[in-house]
Amino acid sequence: MTERAPVNLTGIPETMLWTLHNRASEAKRPDAILRDPDAIRIYESVRYDFERSFGKPDGSHAMRSRCEFRAIVTTRFAAS
């Protein structure tokens, strides 16, 4: 197994790890509504205590992303 890379982020840049935590956790589920192999790959390649910083993963983030994507696509389709 490859050694995990340490993460040295703080403040606002560190908050992107919260999104990564939620996306990868959702994508790893067998019944995932969001498929994101890149999020899983990145999540598994870094050494960071996600749950200590952000708590347990929250599935609402994936659902919100899916709804926003659907709204964007619908709006663009309707406009064309």
Protein backbone atom coordinates (compact mmCIF):
# COMPACT_ATOMS: atom_id res chain seq x y z
CA MET A 1 0.00 0.00 0.00
CA THR A 2 1.18 3.50 -0.81
CA GLU A 3 1.94 5.79 2.09
CA ARG A 4 -0.65 8.50 2.60
CA ALA A 5 0.41 12.10 2.05
CA PRO A 6 0.06 14.47 5.02
CA VAL A 7 -2.30 17.43 4.67
CA ASN A 8 -1.13 20.82 5.92
CA LEU A 9 -4.12 23.07 5.38
CA THR A 10 -5.77 25.47 7.82
CA GLY A 11 -8.53 28.03 7.74
CA ILE A 12 -10.65 28.42 4.65
CA PRO A 13 -8.51 26.13 2.42
CA GLU A 14 -9.01 23.32 4.96
CA THR A 15 -12.78 23.48 4.47
CA MET A 16 -12.44 21.89 1.02
CA LEU A 17 -11.54 18.71 2.89
CA TRP A 18 -15.02 18.73 4.44
CA THR A 19 -16.54 18.48 0.96
CA LEU A 20 -14.06 15.75 0.04
CA HIS A 21 -14.97 13.85 3.23
CA ASN A 22 -18.66 13.90 2.40
CA ARG A 23 -18.31 13.21 -1.35
CA ALA A 24 -15.92 10.29 -0.90
CA SER A 25 -17.93 8.79 1.94
CA GLU A 26 -21.10 8.91 -0.14
CA ALA A 27 -19.37 7.59 -3.27
CA LYS A 28 -18.03 4.59 -1.32
CA ARG A 29 -21.54 3.47 -0.35
CA PRO A 30 -22.97 0.57 -2.39
CA ASP A 31 -26.24 2.53 -2.83
CA ALA A 32 -24.56 5.88 -3.51
CA ILE A 33 -26.52 8.62 -5.26
CA LEU A 34 -23.24 10.28 -6.21
CA ARG A 35 -20.45 8.37 -7.98
CA ASP A 36 -17.05 10.03 -7.67
CA PRO A 37 -14.05 7.72 -8.05
CA ASP A 38 -11.67 10.70 -8.00
CA ALA A 39 -12.97 11.82 -4.60
CA ILE A 40 -12.43 8.29 -3.27
CA ARG A 41 -8.92 8.14 -4.72
CA ILE A 42 -7.91 11.50 -3.22
CA TYR A 43 -9.62 10.75 0.11
CA GLU A 44 -7.73 7.48 0.44
CA SER A 45 -4.40 9.04 -0.55
CA VAL A 46 -4.17 11.68 2.19
CA ARG A 47 -3.39 11.32 5.88
CA TYR A 48 -5.96 13.46 7.68
CA ASP A 49 -8.37 12.85 10.56
CA PHE A 50 -11.58 13.84 8.77
CA GLU A 51 -13.95 12.78 11.55
CA ARG A 52 -12.00 14.68 14.21
CA SER A 53 -12.27 17.87 12.18
CA PHE A 54 -15.70 17.49 10.56
CA GLY A 55 -17.55 14.71 12.36
CA LYS A 56 -19.30 11.81 10.69
CA PRO A 57 -20.04 12.16 6.95
CA ASP A 58 -23.30 13.90 6.08
CA GLY A 59 -25.24 12.43 3.15
CA SER A 60 -27.18 15.66 2.66
CA HIS A 61 -24.16 17.16 0.89
CA ALA A 62 -24.37 14.58 -1.89
CA MET A 63 -28.12 15.04 -2.22
CA ARG A 64 -27.72 18.82 -2.39
CA SER A 65 -25.06 18.45 -5.12
CA ARG A 66 -27.31 16.16 -7.12
CA CYS A 67 -30.28 18.55 -6.82
CA GLU A 68 -28.18 21.57 -7.81
CA PHE A 69 -26.75 19.70 -10.80
CA ARG A 70 -30.23 18.65 -11.89
CA ALA A 71 -31.47 22.25 -11.58
CA ILE A 72 -28.57 23.57 -13.68
CA VAL A 73 -29.10 20.96 -16.40
CA THR A 74 -32.86 21.54 -16.44
CA THR A 75 -32.40 25.31 -16.67
CA ARG A 76 -29.91 25.01 -19.52
CA PHE A 77 -32.08 22.50 -21.37
CA ALA A 78 -35.14 24.72 -21.02
CA ALA A 79 -33.19 27.73 -22.29
CA SER A 80 -32.09 25.97 -25.48
